Amino acid sequence: MPEIISLEAERRLCAGKGAARAVRRQGRVPAIVYGNNQEPALISLEPRELARAVARPAFFATLVDISVDGTTHRTLPRDVQYDAVSDKPIHADFMRVGAGANVTVTVPVTFINQDRSPGLRRGGILNIVRHGVEVICSVDNIPDRLVVDLDGLDIGDSVHIAAVAMPAGARPAIHERDFTIASIAASSAVREEAAAAAATAAAAPAAGEAPAAATPTPAA
């Protein structure tokens, strides 16, 4: 069972930008709960509780139980809007989810065994193409992360989604192609070292060649 966050909410009666501004003036954050064939619920949240929840890793892949007027809505966060100046949440959208429903969530990617990658040990750079991967899974079995093993990877090697173990019942939302998760790239120091070695190797045969013998001049 995935971890579940709990938030207490208050119902708000009016929609629209003016009503939302009024909620913010009262020191709360307007939000909405929708989906699962039910009427949308206009709510407001305590800003510090919401900020703590949003700051958690993989927030958008975390179930959130929102309690309002004695009813608990099991939801997934779908959107958070932030103030352009303070960067604090000013609105949030939550989607209701029923037990056993399939959902699409972005799951963060974690990398292990960096010390067992020959490419990284040689000074290569881990080039992360996707920090998160969209996964389709049951709402009751949302993975908290996808693990990418770097053991044995050398410079020039890549890790594709087909090489990443998926939790039971989960599958990538993009299934038409074997997309790249990360690669091991050469750093500037490694490229300079390789170029110097190539130059030395090219110069070695020329240095070992004997000078051509002079052609004797015929006697008069």
C-alpha atoms as a PDB file:
ATOM      1  CA  MET A   1       0.000   0.000   0.000  1.00  0.00           C
ATOM      2  CA  PRO A   2       1.503   3.359  -0.968  1.00  0.00           C
ATOM      3  CA  GLU A   3       1.998   6.080   1.611  1.00  0.00           C
ATOM      4  CA  ILE A   4      -0.994   8.379   2.067  1.00  0.00           C
ATOM      5  CA  ILE A   5      -0.961  12.049   3.100  1.00  0.00           C
ATOM      6  CA  SER A   6      -3.915  13.455   5.035  1.00  0.00           C
ATOM      7  CA  LEU A   7      -5.113  17.055   4.680  1.00  0.00           C
ATOM      8  CA  GLU A   8      -7.960  18.835   6.477  1.00  0.00           C
ATOM      9  CA  ALA A   9     -10.020  21.133   4.265  1.00  0.00           C
ATOM     10  CA  GLU A  10     -12.874  23.600   4.579  1.00  0.00           C
ATOM     11  CA  ARG A  11     -15.645  23.870   2.029  1.00  0.00           C
ATOM     12  CA  ARG A  12     -15.926  27.114   0.062  1.00  0.00           C
ATOM     13  CA  LEU A  13     -19.165  28.137  -1.587  1.00  0.00           C
ATOM     14  CA  CYS A  14     -18.174  30.320  -4.515  1.00  0.00           C
ATOM     15  CA  ALA A  15     -16.037  29.725  -7.600  1.00  0.00           C
ATOM     16  CA  GLY A  16     -14.217  32.249  -9.737  1.00  0.00           C
ATOM     17  CA  LYS A  17     -11.140  34.441  -9.469  1.00  0.00           C
ATOM     18  CA  GLY A  18     -12.763  36.947  -7.126  1.00  0.00           C
ATOM     19  CA  ALA A  19     -13.830  34.224  -4.707  1.00  0.00           C
ATOM     20  CA  ALA A  20     -10.372  32.640  -4.846  1.00  0.00           C
ATOM     21  CA  ARG A  21      -8.736  35.979  -4.014  1.00  0.00           C
ATOM     22  CA  ALA A  22     -11.084  36.357  -1.058  1.00  0.00           C
ATOM     23  CA  VAL A  23     -10.034  32.925   0.237  1.00  0.00           C
ATOM     24  CA  ARG A  24      -6.369  33.935  -0.027  1.00  0.00           C
ATOM     25  CA  ARG A  25      -7.038  37.166   1.862  1.00  0.00           C
ATOM     26  CA  GLN A  26      -8.405  34.975   4.663  1.00  0.00           C
ATOM     27  CA  GLY A  27      -5.035  33.183   4.807  1.00  0.00           C
ATOM     28  CA  ARG A  28      -6.046  29.959   3.077  1.00  0.00           C
ATOM     29  CA  VAL A  29      -5.351  28.320  -0.295  1.00  0.00           C
ATOM     30  CA  PRO A  30      -8.267  27.627  -2.660  1.00  0.00           C
ATOM     31  CA  ALA A  31      -8.394  24.155  -4.189  1.00  0.00           C
ATOM     32  CA  ILE A  32     -10.759  21.803  -5.991  1.00  0.00           C
ATOM     33  CA  VAL A  33     -11.502  18.083  -5.778  1.00  0.00           C
ATOM     34  CA  TYR A  34     -13.018  16.522  -8.897  1.00  0.00           C
ATOM     35  CA  GLY A  35     -13.520  13.236 -10.748  1.00  0.00           C
ATOM     36  CA  ASN A  36     -14.773   9.707 -10.039  1.00  0.00           C
ATOM     37  CA  ASN A  37     -18.246  10.600 -11.422  1.00  0.00           C
ATOM     38  CA  GLN A  38     -18.945  12.985  -8.544  1.00  0.00           C
ATOM     39  CA  GLU A  39     -19.617  16.699  -8.396  1.00  0.00           C
ATOM     40  CA  PRO A  40     -16.527  18.886  -7.989  1.00  0.00           C
ATOM     41  CA  ALA A  41     -15.935  20.073  -4.421  1.00  0.00           C
ATOM     42  CA  LEU A  42     -14.613  23.597  -3.880  1.00  0.00           C
ATOM     43  CA  ILE A  43     -12.364  23.614  -0.818  1.00  0.00           C
ATOM     44  CA  SER A  44      -9.656  25.626   0.920  1.00  0.00           C
ATOM     45  CA  LEU A  45      -6.510  24.346   2.626  1.00  0.00           C
ATOM     46  CA  GLU A  46      -4.229  25.571   5.379  1.00  0.00           C
ATOM     47  CA  PRO A  47      -1.192  26.977   3.502  1.00  0.00           C
ATOM     48  CA  ARG A  48       1.544  25.544   5.713  1.00  0.00           C
ATOM     49  CA  GLU A  49       0.082  22.029   5.606  1.00  0.00           C
ATOM     50  CA  LEU A  50      -0.235  22.215   1.825  1.00  0.00           C
ATOM     51  CA  ALA A  51       3.312  23.583   1.445  1.00  0.00           C
ATOM     52  CA  ARG A  52       4.716  20.702   3.535  1.00  0.00           C
ATOM     53  CA  ALA A  53       2.805  18.180   1.425  1.00  0.00           C
ATOM     54  CA  VAL A  54       3.903  19.727  -1.878  1.00  0.00           C
ATOM     55  CA  ALA A  55       7.539  19.712  -0.740  1.00  0.00           C
ATOM     56  CA  ARG A  56       7.539  15.936  -0.248  1.00  0.00           C
ATOM     57  CA  PRO A  57       9.358  13.825  -2.850  1.00  0.00           C
ATOM     58  CA  ALA A  58       7.074  12.413  -5.560  1.00  0.00           C
ATOM     59  CA  PHE A  59       4.135  14.525  -4.401  1.00  0.00           C
ATOM     60  CA  PHE A  60       2.255  14.018  -7.680  1.00  0.00           C
ATOM     61  CA  ALA A  61       2.558  10.235  -7.289  1.00  0.00           C
ATOM     62  CA  THR A  62       1.298  10.280  -3.690  1.00  0.00           C
ATOM     63  CA  LEU A  63      -2.241   9.580  -2.533  1.00  0.00           C
ATOM     64  CA  VAL A  64      -3.828  12.407  -0.539  1.00  0.00           C
ATOM     65  CA  ASP A  65      -6.835  11.887   1.730  1.00  0.00           C
ATOM     66  CA  ILE A  66      -8.719  15.205   1.940  1.00  0.00           C
ATOM     67  CA  SER A  67     -11.262  15.454   4.758  1.00  0.00           C
ATOM     68  CA  VAL A  68     -14.025  18.043   4.428  1.00  0.00           C
ATOM     69  CA  ASP A  69     -17.343  18.198   6.339  1.00  0.00           C
ATOM     70  CA  GLY A  70     -16.882  14.678   7.685  1.00  0.00           C
ATOM     71  CA  THR A  71     -16.229  13.154   4.245  1.00  0.00           C
ATOM     72  CA  THR A  72     -12.822  11.882   3.143  1.00  0.00           C
ATOM     73  CA  HIS A  73     -11.912  12.052  -0.524  1.00  0.00           C
ATOM     74  CA  ARG A  74      -9.023   9.843  -1.671  1.00  0.00           C
ATOM     75  CA  THR A  75      -7.229  11.819  -4.357  1.00  0.00           C
ATOM     76  CA  LEU A  76      -4.124  12.274  -6.451  1.00  0.00           C
ATOM     77  CA  PRO A  77      -2.616  15.760  -6.834  1.00  0.00           C
ATOM     78  CA  ARG A  78      -2.921  16.931 -10.426  1.00  0.00           C
ATOM     79  CA  ASP A  79      -1.790  20.554 -10.428  1.00  0.00           C
ATOM     80  CA  VAL A  80      -0.381  23.206  -8.106  1.00  0.00           C
ATOM     81  CA  GLN A  81      -0.140  26.877  -9.052  1.00  0.00           C
ATOM     82  CA  TYR A  82       2.463  29.095  -7.388  1.00  0.00           C
ATOM     83  CA  ASP A  83       2.781  32.801  -6.702  1.00  0.00           C
ATOM     84  CA  ALA A  84       5.292  34.317  -9.123  1.00  0.00           C
ATOM     85  CA  VAL A  85       6.996  36.350  -6.375  1.00  0.00           C
ATOM     86  CA  SER A  86       6.816  34.248  -3.202  1.00  0.00           C
ATOM     87  CA  ASP A  87       6.746  30.828  -4.951  1.00  0.00           C
ATOM     88  CA  LYS A  88       4.095  29.703  -2.456  1.00  0.00           C
ATOM     89  CA  PRO A  89       1.130  27.535  -3.539  1.00  0.00           C
ATOM     90  CA  ILE A  90      -1.923  29.626  -4.429  1.00  0.00           C
ATOM     91  CA  HIS A  91      -4.202  26.937  -5.904  1.00  0.00           C
ATOM     92  CA  ALA A  92      -4.298  23.140  -6.099  1.00  0.00           C
ATOM     93  CA  ASP A  93      -6.253  20.538  -8.075  1.00  0.00           C
ATOM     94  CA  PHE A  94      -6.910  17.039  -6.744  1.00  0.00           C
ATOM     95  CA  MET A  95      -8.511  14.145  -8.656  1.00  0.00           C
ATOM     96  CA  ARG A  96     -10.627  11.589  -6.811  1.00  0.00           C
ATOM     97  CA  VAL A  97      -9.562   7.978  -7.314  1.00  0.00           C
ATOM     98  CA  GLY A  98     -11.570   4.857  -6.579  1.00  0.00           C
ATOM     99  CA  ALA A  99     -10.127   1.629  -5.197  1.00  0.00           C
ATOM    100  CA  GLY A 100      -8.478  -0.463  -7.893  1.00  0.00           C
ATOM    101  CA  ALA A 101      -8.559   2.295 -10.507  1.00  0.00           C
ATOM    102  CA  ASN A 102      -5.685   2.616 -12.950  1.00  0.00           C
ATOM    103  CA  VAL A 103      -3.959   5.992 -12.917  1.00  0.00           C
ATOM    104  CA  THR A 104      -1.101   7.663 -14.745  1.00  0.00           C
ATOM    105  CA  VAL A 105       1.534   9.120 -12.415  1.00  0.00           C
ATOM    106  CA  THR A 106       5.075  10.415 -12.815  1.00  0.00           C
ATOM    107  CA  VAL A 107       7.408   8.264 -10.734  1.00  0.00           C
ATOM    108  CA  PRO A 108      10.871   9.597  -9.832  1.00  0.00           C
ATOM    109  CA  VAL A 109      13.970   7.726 -11.023  1.00  0.00           C
ATOM    110  CA  THR A 110      16.735   6.710  -8.596  1.00  0.00           C
ATOM    111  CA  PHE A 111      20.227   5.625  -9.694  1.00  0.00           C
ATOM    112  CA  ILE A 112      22.295   3.041  -7.823  1.00  0.00           C
ATOM    113  CA  ASN A 113      25.790   1.498  -8.072  1.00  0.00           C
ATOM    114  CA  GLN A 114      27.517   4.610  -9.383  1.00  0.00           C
ATOM    115  CA  ASP A 115      30.744   3.277  -7.864  1.00  0.00           C
ATOM    116  CA  ARG A 116      30.476   0.123  -9.995  1.00  0.00           C
ATOM    117  CA  SER A 117      30.236   1.981 -13.297  1.00  0.00           C
ATOM    118  CA  PRO A 118      33.577   1.869 -15.163  1.00  0.00           C
ATOM    119  CA  GLY A 119      32.578   4.954 -17.126  1.00  0.00           C
ATOM    120  CA  LEU A 120      31.919   7.037 -14.014  1.00  0.00           C
ATOM    121  CA  ARG A 121      35.083   5.765 -12.342  1.00  0.00           C
ATOM    122  CA  ARG A 122      37.044   6.950 -15.385  1.00  0.00           C
ATOM    123  CA  GLY A 123      35.649  10.455 -14.997  1.00  0.00           C
ATOM    124  CA  GLY A 124      32.543  10.147 -17.154  1.00  0.00           C
ATOM    125  CA  ILE A 125      29.353  12.107 -16.452  1.00  0.00           C
ATOM    126  CA  LEU A 126      25.909  10.688 -15.719  1.00  0.00           C
ATOM    127  CA  ASN A 127      23.614  12.414 -18.217  1.00  0.00           C
ATOM    128  CA  ILE A 128      20.059  12.054 -16.855  1.00  0.00           C
ATOM    129  CA  VAL A 129      17.524  12.322 -19.655  1.00  0.00           C
ATOM    130  CA  ARG A 130      14.447  11.625 -17.499  1.00  0.00           C
ATOM    131  CA  HIS A 131      14.273  12.392 -13.773  1.00  0.00           C
ATOM    132  CA  GLY A 132      10.779  10.901 -13.741  1.00  0.00           C
ATOM    133  CA  VAL A 133       8.834   8.426 -15.865  1.00  0.00           C
ATOM    134  CA  GLU A 134       5.082   8.391 -16.483  1.00  0.00           C
ATOM    135  CA  VAL A 135       3.735   5.034 -15.327  1.00  0.00           C
ATOM    136  CA  ILE A 136       0.288   3.474 -15.574  1.00  0.00           C
ATOM    137  CA  CYS A 137      -0.528   1.439 -12.479  1.00  0.00           C
ATOM    138  CA  SER A 138      -3.204   0.614  -9.935  1.00  0.00           C
ATOM    139  CA  VAL A 139      -3.949   3.384  -7.472  1.00  0.00           C
ATOM    140  CA  ASP A 140      -3.441   0.781  -4.737  1.00  0.00           C
ATOM    141  CA  ASN A 141       0.101  -0.003  -5.892  1.00  0.00           C
ATOM    142  CA  ILE A 142       1.791   3.250  -6.928  1.00  0.00           C
ATOM    143  CA  PRO A 143       5.587   2.771  -6.905  1.00  0.00           C
ATOM    144  CA  ASP A 144       7.542   5.351  -4.924  1.00  0.00           C
ATOM    145  CA  ARG A 145      10.481   5.185  -7.368  1.00  0.00           C
ATOM    146  CA  LEU A 146      12.017   3.384 -10.338  1.00  0.00           C
ATOM    147  CA  VAL A 147      15.541   2.067  -9.792  1.00  0.00           C
ATOM    148  CA  VAL A 148      18.206   2.278 -12.517  1.00  0.00           C
ATOM    149  CA  ASP A 149      21.311   0.121 -11.958  1.00  0.00           C
ATOM    150  CA  LEU A 150      24.527   1.653 -13.338  1.00  0.00           C
ATOM    151  CA  ASP A 151      26.650  -1.423 -12.613  1.00  0.00           C
ATOM    152  CA  GLY A 152      28.988  -2.146 -15.552  1.00  0.00           C
ATOM    153  CA  LEU A 153      28.069   0.884 -17.658  1.00  0.00           C
ATOM    154  CA  ASP A 154      30.955   2.501 -19.530  1.00  0.00           C
ATOM    155  CA  ILE A 155      31.324   5.786 -21.362  1.00  0.00           C
ATOM    156  CA  GLY A 156      28.975   5.811 -24.352  1.00  0.00           C
ATOM    157  CA  ASP A 157      26.510   3.346 -22.783  1.00  0.00           C
ATOM    158  CA  SER A 158      22.831   4.212 -22.310  1.00  0.00           C
ATOM    159  CA  VAL A 159      20.024   2.893 -20.130  1.00  0.00           C
ATOM    160  CA  HIS A 160      16.642   2.485 -21.817  1.00  0.00           C
ATOM    161  CA  ILE A 161      13.249   1.955 -20.221  1.00  0.00           C
ATOM    162  CA  ALA A 162      13.218  -1.719 -21.256  1.00  0.00           C
ATOM    163  CA  ALA A 163      16.149  -2.325 -18.892  1.00  0.00           C
ATOM    164  CA  VAL A 164      14.325  -0.830 -15.887  1.00  0.00           C
ATOM    165  CA  ALA A 165      12.434  -3.257 -13.657  1.00  0.00           C
ATOM    166  CA  MET A 166       8.778  -2.270 -13.326  1.00  0.00           C
ATOM    167  CA  PRO A 167       6.767  -3.056 -10.184  1.00  0.00           C
ATOM    168  CA  ALA A 168       4.079  -5.688 -10.564  1.00  0.00           C
ATOM    169  CA  GLY A 169       1.094  -4.369 -12.488  1.00  0.00           C
ATOM    170  CA  ALA A 170       2.855  -1.190 -13.653  1.00  0.00           C
ATOM    171  CA  ARG A 171       3.878  -0.258 -17.187  1.00  0.00           C
ATOM    172  CA  PRO A 172       5.342   2.815 -18.881  1.00  0.00           C
ATOM    173  CA  ALA A 173       2.768   5.224 -20.271  1.00  0.00           C
ATOM    174  CA  ILE A 174       4.961   5.496 -23.399  1.00  0.00           C
ATOM    175  CA  HIS A 175       5.148   1.975 -24.778  1.00  0.00           C
ATOM    176  CA  GLU A 176       5.695   2.607 -28.497  1.00  0.00           C
ATOM    177  CA  ARG A 177       9.465   3.111 -28.158  1.00  0.00           C
ATOM    178  CA  ASP A 178      12.325   2.101 -25.888  1.00  0.00           C
ATOM    179  CA  PHE A 179      13.206   5.606 -24.724  1.00  0.00           C
ATOM    180  CA  THR A 180      16.437   6.594 -22.980  1.00  0.00           C
ATOM    181  CA  ILE A 181      16.543   7.194 -19.231  1.00  0.00           C
ATOM    182  CA  ALA A 182      20.229   8.141 -18.887  1.00  0.00           C
ATOM    183  CA  SER A 183      23.631   7.742 -20.501  1.00  0.00           C
ATOM    184  CA  ILE A 184      27.295   7.886 -19.501  1.00  0.00           C
ATOM    185  CA  ALA A 185      28.979  10.736 -21.361  1.00  0.00           C
ATOM    186  CA  ALA A 186      32.665  11.608 -21.578  1.00  0.00           C
ATOM    187  CA  SER A 187      33.705  14.679 -19.610  1.00  0.00           C
ATOM    188  CA  SER A 188      35.941  17.325 -21.192  1.00  0.00           C
ATOM    189  CA  ALA A 189      38.909  15.902 -19.237  1.00  0.00           C
ATOM    190  CA  VAL A 190      38.265  12.408 -20.584  1.00  0.00           C
ATOM    191  CA  ARG A 191      37.924  13.723 -24.147  1.00  0.00           C
ATOM    192  CA  GLU A 192      41.174  15.667 -23.841  1.00  0.00           C
ATOM    193  CA  GLU A 193      42.935  12.586 -22.463  1.00  0.00           C
ATOM    194  CA  ALA A 194      41.637  10.453 -25.330  1.00  0.00           C
ATOM    195  CA  ALA A 195      42.693  13.064 -27.904  1.00  0.00           C
ATOM    196  CA  ALA A 196      46.197  13.255 -26.381  1.00  0.00           C
ATOM    197  CA  ALA A 197      46.517   9.475 -26.414  1.00  0.00           C
ATOM    198  CA  ALA A 198      45.415   9.351 -30.064  1.00  0.00           C
ATOM    199  CA  ALA A 199      47.937  12.043 -30.997  1.00  0.00           C
ATOM    200  CA  THR A 200      50.721  10.166 -29.212  1.00  0.00           C
ATOM    201  CA  ALA A 201      49.798   6.912 -30.938  1.00  0.00           C
ATOM    202  CA  ALA A 202      49.770   8.629 -34.344  1.00  0.00           C
ATOM    203  CA  ALA A 203      53.168  10.214 -33.737  1.00  0.00           C
ATOM    204  CA  ALA A 204      54.861   7.012 -32.568  1.00  0.00           C
ATOM    205  CA  PRO A 205      55.211   5.278 -36.001  1.00  0.00           C
ATOM    206  CA  ALA A 206      56.566   8.449 -37.608  1.00  0.00           C
ATOM    207  CA  ALA A 207      59.169   8.789 -34.874  1.00  0.00           C
ATOM    208  CA  GLY A 208      60.311   5.191 -35.388  1.00  0.00           C
ATOM    209  CA  GLU A 209      60.813   5.448 -39.142  1.00  0.00           C
ATOM    210  CA  ALA A 210      64.495   5.430 -40.336  1.00  0.00           C
ATOM    211  CA  PRO A 211      65.555   8.301 -42.577  1.00  0.00           C
ATOM    212  CA  ALA A 212      65.544   7.439 -46.277  1.00  0.00           C
ATOM    213  CA  ALA A 213      68.987   6.526 -47.724  1.00  0.00           C
ATOM    214  CA  ALA A 214      70.530   9.050 -50.084  1.00  0.00           C
ATOM    215  CA  THR A 215      70.663   8.027 -53.730  1.00  0.00           C
ATOM    216  CA  PRO A 216      74.351   7.689 -54.828  1.00  0.00           C
ATOM    217  CA  THR A 217      75.450  10.099 -57.519  1.00  0.00           C
ATOM    218  CA  PRO A 218      76.723   8.300 -60.661  1.00  0.00           C
ATOM    219  CA  ALA A 219      80.444   8.786 -61.401  1.00  0.00           C
ATOM    220  CA  ALA A 220      81.297  11.092 -64.266  1.00  0.00           C
END
